[in-house]
Amino acid sequence: MIKAIKQALIHWNNNYDKYHKMQHIYLVLTFGLTFLTGSFALLDSSIKQTSLFLVKILLGVFAVNALTMIISQAFLFDKIDQMTSKKSKK
């Protein structure tokens, strides 16, 4: 079991860039906190409200990061690649 987890983590580390890894971690934290929120709902309503607020913040951060990366890839990274390729040709 541990060997399979290590292999999965090595595969994940080799196949995804920093941005995608960060987004995966945000999603895992969000789903984990959502599960804990359901468990907390059985205990105390105020804890449930606080954890739901944290879930909303994590989803907001995920969405902002996704939009920022999409815009960056669409506009900035292409121009940077073009500028560096022109400089390397000279």
Protein backbone atom coordinates (compact mmCIF):
# COMPACT_ATOMS: atom_id res chain seq x y z
CA MET A 1 0.00 0.00 0.00
CA ILE A 2 2.74 2.46 0.94
CA LYS A 3 4.66 1.52 -2.21
CA ALA A 4 1.59 2.28 -4.35
CA ILE A 5 1.16 5.67 -2.65
CA LYS A 6 4.83 6.49 -3.23
CA GLN A 7 4.55 5.55 -6.91
CA ALA A 8 1.40 7.64 -7.28
CA LEU A 9 3.11 10.65 -5.68
CA ILE A 10 6.19 10.24 -7.88
CA HIS A 11 3.96 10.03 -10.96
CA TRP A 12 2.01 13.10 -9.82
CA ASN A 13 5.24 15.01 -9.14
CA ASN A 14 6.73 14.19 -12.54
CA ASN A 15 3.63 14.85 -14.65
CA TYR A 16 2.28 18.13 -13.29
CA ASP A 17 3.77 21.60 -13.01
CA LYS A 18 3.72 23.76 -9.89
CA TYR A 19 0.47 25.46 -10.80
CA HIS A 20 -1.49 22.23 -11.27
CA LYS A 21 -0.04 20.77 -8.08
CA MET A 22 -1.17 23.83 -6.14
CA GLN A 23 -4.66 23.59 -7.62
CA HIS A 24 -4.85 19.89 -6.74
CA ILE A 25 -3.88 20.66 -3.15
CA TYR A 26 -6.56 23.38 -2.91
CA LEU A 27 -9.18 20.91 -4.14
CA VAL A 28 -8.07 18.17 -1.74
CA LEU A 29 -8.14 20.63 1.18
CA THR A 30 -11.58 21.84 0.14
CA PHE A 31 -13.05 18.35 -0.11
CA GLY A 32 -11.40 17.29 3.15
CA LEU A 33 -12.69 20.35 4.96
CA THR A 34 -16.15 19.80 3.48
CA PHE A 35 -16.13 16.26 4.89
CA LEU A 36 -15.02 17.58 8.29
CA THR A 37 -17.74 20.23 8.15
CA GLY A 38 -20.34 17.49 7.80
CA SER A 39 -18.87 15.76 10.83
CA PHE A 40 -18.76 19.02 12.80
CA ALA A 41 -22.40 19.69 11.97
CA LEU A 42 -23.30 16.80 14.23
CA LEU A 43 -21.42 18.37 17.14
CA ASP A 44 -21.85 22.12 17.09
CA SER A 45 -23.49 24.63 14.78
CA SER A 46 -20.92 27.40 15.32
CA ILE A 47 -18.04 25.11 14.35
CA LYS A 48 -19.98 24.14 11.24
CA GLN A 49 -20.44 27.78 10.24
CA THR A 50 -16.75 28.54 10.72
CA SER A 51 -15.62 25.54 8.69
CA LEU A 52 -18.11 26.36 5.92
CA PHE A 53 -16.63 29.86 5.81
CA LEU A 54 -13.16 28.31 5.39
CA VAL A 55 -14.45 26.07 2.59
CA LYS A 56 -15.82 29.13 0.80
CA ILE A 57 -12.47 30.90 1.17
CA LEU A 58 -10.60 27.89 -0.24
CA LEU A 59 -12.98 27.69 -3.21
CA GLY A 60 -12.54 31.41 -3.79
CA VAL A 61 -8.74 31.10 -3.73
CA PHE A 62 -8.98 28.15 -6.13
CA ALA A 63 -11.14 30.14 -8.54
CA VAL A 64 -8.93 33.25 -8.41
CA ASN A 65 -5.79 31.16 -8.98
CA ALA A 66 -7.42 29.35 -11.89
CA LEU A 67 -8.50 32.60 -13.56
CA THR A 68 -5.12 34.22 -12.96
CA MET A 69 -3.27 31.29 -14.49
CA ILE A 70 -5.61 31.11 -17.49
CA ILE A 71 -5.14 34.82 -18.19
CA SER A 72 -1.38 34.57 -17.65
CA GLN A 73 -1.06 31.64 -20.01
CA ALA A 74 -3.22 33.30 -22.63
CA PHE A 75 -1.51 36.67 -22.69
CA LEU A 76 1.78 36.80 -20.82
CA PHE A 77 3.44 33.43 -21.38
CA ASP A 78 2.97 33.51 -25.14
CA LYS A 79 4.52 36.98 -25.37
CA ILE A 80 7.41 35.96 -23.12
CA ASP A 81 8.06 32.89 -25.29
CA GLN A 82 7.97 35.03 -28.42
CA MET A 83 10.36 37.59 -26.94
CA THR A 84 12.85 34.96 -25.78
CA SER A 85 12.75 33.14 -29.12
CA LYS A 86 13.47 36.41 -30.97
CA LYS A 87 16.41 37.16 -28.69
CA SER A 88 17.85 33.69 -29.09
CA LYS A 89 17.71 33.98 -32.91
CA LYS A 90 19.85 37.12 -32.90
